[in-house]
Amino acid sequence: MNKTVEVQELGYRDYRDTWDYQEKLFGQILEQKKGRRTEAVPGETSNYFLYVEHPHVYTLGKSGDKANLLVSEAVLRERGASFIHINRGGDITYHGPGQIVGYPILDLENFFTDIHKYLRLLEEMVICTLSEYGLQGQRSPGETGVWLEVGTPRARKICAMGVRASRWVTMHGFALNVNTDLSYFDLMIPCGIRGKGVTSLSAELGQHVPTAEVKKHLLRHFATLFGASLAY
């Protein structure tokens, strides 16, 4: 089993272009898995962790409800944003500048074969990272992602998640609000969940937070939780 994960920093990149790149890596791993079944000495499958920052975009998962977008696509264009239907689970999500988006493209057979465990470990990675800044991240029952002050009137989401998996290969991932313009969340019902707010690291701490620093914390906790070795 190959527990080495190649980390790639994609910078500021269009969502569709990044989605195509994810699909390319995803397909390559599926081909590797297919080859393993026919090789006398099976080869290893690859694992990737992509970091990216997207221009303003709203994405709707395959089980989502477009009614959770509260404005027309014309209004989105006026705000410099686009709208895309995608093939992950979950409802509507916003991505934009100041947000850390991570796409682990993993062959889970290198680690464990349990999608629920995978999601819980991604949440734990974020929870551990928030603790570095004195924030207590929490899970909200039945709602994937990471929240603050769950069970109170001030409950607010700081990290959204949505993944796709086929033959234990994953794609899509998480979006952690760091220095995000939270006004863009007013144009939708985040993840289709009414009555709960959205926040960011900078909003909670009252100051700009270096994204490079947050990324290092995320990767360190990811490596520990998954027993992975990181390659750059």
Protein backbone atom coordinates (compact mmCIF):
# COMPACT_ATOMS: atom_id res chain seq x y z
CA MET A 1 0.00 0.00 0.00
CA ASN A 2 1.26 3.45 -0.95
CA LYS A 3 0.72 5.95 1.85
CA THR A 4 2.70 8.72 0.17
CA VAL A 5 0.54 11.71 -0.77
CA GLU A 6 1.81 14.19 -3.34
CA VAL A 7 0.93 17.76 -2.35
CA GLN A 8 0.31 20.18 -5.22
CA GLU A 9 -0.24 23.93 -4.81
CA LEU A 10 -2.37 25.07 -7.75
CA GLY A 11 -2.60 28.73 -6.74
CA TYR A 12 -5.48 30.92 -7.97
CA ARG A 13 -7.30 28.79 -10.53
CA ASP A 14 -10.65 28.61 -12.32
CA TYR A 15 -13.07 26.08 -10.86
CA ARG A 16 -13.84 24.24 -14.11
CA ASP A 17 -10.16 24.00 -15.01
CA THR A 18 -9.40 22.58 -11.56
CA TRP A 19 -12.33 20.17 -11.79
CA ASP A 20 -10.97 18.87 -15.12
CA TYR A 21 -7.56 18.41 -13.49
CA GLN A 22 -9.13 16.52 -10.58
CA GLU A 23 -10.93 14.25 -13.04
CA LYS A 24 -7.65 13.59 -14.84
CA LEU A 25 -5.86 12.48 -11.65
CA PHE A 26 -8.96 10.58 -10.50
CA GLY A 27 -9.05 8.69 -13.81
CA GLN A 28 -5.34 7.92 -13.66
CA ILE A 29 -5.73 6.30 -10.26
CA LEU A 30 -8.69 4.25 -11.48
CA GLU A 31 -6.54 3.05 -14.40
CA GLN A 32 -3.76 2.14 -11.97
CA LYS A 33 -6.24 0.11 -9.95
CA LYS A 34 -7.46 -1.64 -13.09
CA GLY A 35 -3.87 -2.51 -14.00
CA ARG A 36 -3.18 -3.91 -10.55
CA ARG A 37 -5.72 -6.66 -11.15
CA THR A 38 -3.90 -7.91 -14.26
CA GLU A 39 -0.24 -7.44 -13.31
CA ALA A 40 1.78 -10.39 -12.00
CA VAL A 41 3.40 -7.97 -9.54
CA PRO A 42 0.80 -5.28 -8.86
CA GLY A 43 2.05 -1.71 -8.91
CA GLU A 44 1.13 1.03 -6.46
CA THR A 45 -1.63 3.57 -6.84
CA SER A 46 -1.04 7.31 -6.44
CA ASN A 47 -2.46 9.77 -3.90
CA TYR A 48 -2.71 13.55 -4.22
CA PHE A 49 -3.66 16.52 -2.07
CA LEU A 50 -4.44 19.63 -4.13
CA TYR A 51 -4.56 23.13 -2.65
CA VAL A 52 -6.32 25.83 -4.65
CA GLU A 53 -8.02 29.20 -4.37
CA HIS A 54 -10.93 29.82 -6.72
CA PRO A 55 -12.48 32.96 -8.20
CA HIS A 56 -16.04 33.54 -6.93
CA VAL A 57 -18.14 30.48 -7.80
CA TYR A 58 -21.23 28.69 -6.49
CA THR A 59 -21.35 24.92 -6.97
CA LEU A 60 -24.40 22.69 -6.59
CA GLY A 61 -24.01 18.99 -5.74
CA LYS A 62 -25.95 16.28 -7.54
CA SER A 63 -28.51 16.02 -4.73
CA GLY A 64 -28.76 19.78 -4.21
CA ASP A 65 -31.68 22.15 -4.71
CA LYS A 66 -31.07 25.18 -6.94
CA ALA A 67 -33.74 27.02 -4.92
CA ASN A 68 -31.02 27.42 -2.29
CA LEU A 69 -29.41 29.97 -4.62
CA LEU A 70 -31.30 33.12 -3.64
CA VAL A 71 -30.48 35.31 -6.65
CA SER A 72 -30.45 34.91 -10.42
CA GLU A 73 -27.35 33.96 -12.36
CA ALA A 74 -27.44 37.48 -13.81
CA VAL A 75 -26.98 38.89 -10.30
CA LEU A 76 -24.10 36.47 -9.75
CA ARG A 77 -22.42 37.75 -12.90
CA GLU A 78 -22.76 41.30 -11.59
CA ARG A 79 -20.90 40.15 -8.47
CA GLY A 80 -18.22 38.52 -10.60
CA ALA A 81 -19.37 35.00 -9.71
CA SER A 82 -20.38 31.92 -11.70
CA PHE A 83 -22.67 28.94 -11.01
CA ILE A 84 -21.82 25.31 -11.79
CA HIS A 85 -23.58 21.94 -11.32
CA ILE A 86 -21.04 19.34 -10.17
CA ASN A 87 -20.84 15.63 -9.34
CA ARG A 88 -20.04 15.65 -5.63
CA GLY A 89 -22.46 15.02 -2.82
CA GLY A 90 -24.03 17.82 -0.85
CA ASP A 91 -25.97 20.94 -1.70
CA ILE A 92 -24.86 24.45 -2.67
CA THR A 93 -21.41 25.74 -1.71
CA TYR A 94 -19.51 28.97 -2.34
CA HIS A 95 -15.81 29.19 -3.18
CA GLY A 96 -13.84 32.38 -3.48
CA PRO A 97 -10.74 34.41 -2.66
CA GLY A 98 -9.48 34.10 0.90
CA GLN A 99 -10.74 30.54 1.22
CA ILE A 100 -8.52 27.45 1.44
CA VAL A 101 -9.89 24.71 -0.80
CA GLY A 102 -8.37 21.26 -0.48
CA TYR A 103 -8.99 18.32 -2.81
CA PRO A 104 -7.54 15.02 -1.53
CA ILE A 105 -7.54 12.58 -4.44
CA LEU A 106 -6.75 9.36 -2.62
CA ASP A 107 -6.99 5.64 -3.18
CA LEU A 108 -8.56 4.83 0.16
CA GLU A 109 -7.49 1.21 -0.24
CA ASN A 110 -4.05 2.56 0.67
CA PHE A 111 -5.47 3.72 4.02
CA PHE A 112 -8.88 2.23 4.92
CA THR A 113 -12.11 1.46 3.10
CA ASP A 114 -14.69 3.54 4.93
CA ILE A 115 -16.14 6.73 3.40
CA HIS A 116 -17.72 7.84 6.68
CA LYS A 117 -14.37 7.48 8.44
CA TYR A 118 -12.77 9.48 5.62
CA LEU A 119 -15.18 12.38 6.12
CA ARG A 120 -14.83 12.28 9.89
CA LEU A 121 -11.01 12.41 9.58
CA LEU A 122 -11.22 15.39 7.21
CA GLU A 123 -13.40 17.11 9.79
CA GLU A 124 -10.91 16.19 12.53
CA MET A 125 -8.08 17.67 10.45
CA VAL A 126 -9.94 20.99 10.39
CA ILE A 127 -10.94 20.77 14.06
CA CYS A 128 -7.29 20.22 15.04
CA THR A 129 -6.23 23.15 12.86
CA LEU A 130 -8.79 25.48 14.42
CA SER A 131 -7.50 24.53 17.85
CA GLU A 132 -4.14 26.01 16.83
CA TYR A 133 -5.95 29.36 16.86
CA GLY A 134 -7.85 28.82 20.09
CA LEU A 135 -11.13 27.93 18.39
CA GLN A 136 -13.21 24.90 19.28
CA GLY A 137 -14.41 23.37 16.03
CA GLN A 138 -17.30 20.91 16.30
CA ARG A 139 -19.38 18.49 14.28
CA SER A 140 -23.10 19.11 13.91
CA PRO A 141 -25.14 15.87 13.90
CA GLY A 142 -26.30 15.03 10.39
CA GLU A 143 -24.46 17.98 8.84
CA THR A 144 -21.07 17.29 7.26
CA GLY A 145 -18.45 19.97 7.87
CA VAL A 146 -17.04 21.89 10.81
CA TRP A 147 -18.94 24.37 12.97
CA LEU A 148 -18.56 26.65 15.96
CA GLU A 149 -20.95 26.77 18.94
CA VAL A 150 -23.14 23.89 17.77
CA GLY A 151 -26.48 23.68 19.54
CA THR A 152 -26.66 27.41 20.31
CA PRO A 153 -28.36 30.31 18.51
CA ARG A 154 -24.87 31.40 17.39
CA ALA A 155 -24.05 28.15 15.58
CA ARG A 156 -22.04 28.98 12.46
CA LYS A 157 -20.20 26.99 9.82
CA ILE A 158 -16.53 27.59 9.11
CA CYS A 159 -15.72 24.67 6.82
CA ALA A 160 -17.87 22.97 4.17
CA MET A 161 -17.21 19.49 2.76
CA GLY A 162 -18.45 17.45 -0.16
CA VAL A 163 -16.80 14.45 -1.78
CA ARG A 164 -17.24 11.94 -4.54
CA ALA A 165 -15.84 8.40 -4.43
CA SER A 166 -15.69 5.54 -6.91
CA ARG A 167 -13.91 2.23 -6.29
CA TRP A 168 -12.53 3.85 -3.12
CA VAL A 169 -10.92 6.73 -5.03
CA THR A 170 -11.92 10.18 -3.75
CA MET A 171 -12.21 13.64 -5.27
CA HIS A 172 -13.57 17.08 -4.31
CA GLY A 173 -13.01 17.85 -0.62
CA PHE A 174 -13.25 20.79 1.78
CA ALA A 175 -13.42 24.59 1.81
CA LEU A 176 -12.18 26.38 4.92
CA ASN A 177 -13.07 30.06 5.29
CA VAL A 178 -9.93 31.92 6.31
CA ASN A 179 -10.03 35.51 4.99
CA THR A 180 -13.22 35.05 2.98
CA ASP A 181 -15.65 37.85 2.06
CA LEU A 182 -18.65 36.44 3.93
CA SER A 183 -21.13 38.69 2.11
CA TYR A 184 -21.12 36.18 -0.76
CA PHE A 185 -22.82 33.65 1.51
CA ASP A 186 -25.83 35.99 1.73
CA LEU A 187 -26.71 35.04 -1.86
CA MET A 188 -27.50 31.43 -0.95
CA ILE A 189 -28.67 29.10 1.79
CA PRO A 190 -25.28 27.55 2.61
CA CYS A 191 -25.34 23.79 2.09
CA GLY A 192 -29.15 24.06 2.11
CA ILE A 193 -29.18 24.59 5.89
CA ARG A 194 -31.46 27.38 7.06
CA GLY A 195 -31.10 29.46 10.20
CA LYS A 196 -27.37 29.01 10.76
CA GLY A 197 -24.60 31.45 10.03
CA VAL A 198 -21.23 31.24 8.33
CA THR A 199 -17.93 32.50 9.66
CA SER A 200 -14.20 32.56 8.92
CA LEU A 201 -10.96 32.41 10.83
CA SER A 202 -10.33 36.13 10.31
CA ALA A 203 -13.87 37.03 11.47
CA GLU A 204 -13.43 34.98 14.62
CA LEU A 205 -9.96 36.30 15.41
CA GLY A 206 -10.52 39.88 14.29
CA GLN A 207 -7.46 39.92 12.07
CA HIS A 208 -6.07 38.69 8.77
CA VAL A 209 -4.74 35.12 9.02
CA PRO A 210 -1.82 33.95 6.81
CA THR A 211 -3.21 31.20 4.58
CA ALA A 212 0.22 29.59 4.12
CA GLU A 213 0.39 29.05 7.88
CA VAL A 214 -3.10 27.49 7.98
CA LYS A 215 -2.22 25.18 5.08
CA LYS A 216 0.81 23.88 6.97
CA HIS A 217 -1.32 23.09 10.01
CA LEU A 218 -3.90 21.29 7.86
CA LEU A 219 -1.28 19.15 6.14
CA ARG A 220 0.46 18.25 9.38
CA HIS A 221 -2.78 17.06 10.94
CA PHE A 222 -3.80 15.29 7.72
CA ALA A 223 -0.52 13.34 7.68
CA THR A 224 -0.95 12.32 11.32
CA LEU A 225 -4.60 11.29 11.03
CA PHE A 226 -4.12 9.30 7.81
CA GLY A 227 -0.68 7.90 8.63
CA ALA A 228 0.52 9.47 5.39
CA SER A 229 3.90 10.64 4.17
CA LEU A 230 3.81 13.93 2.26
CA ALA A 231 5.78 14.59 -0.92
CA TYR A 232 6.19 18.01 -2.56
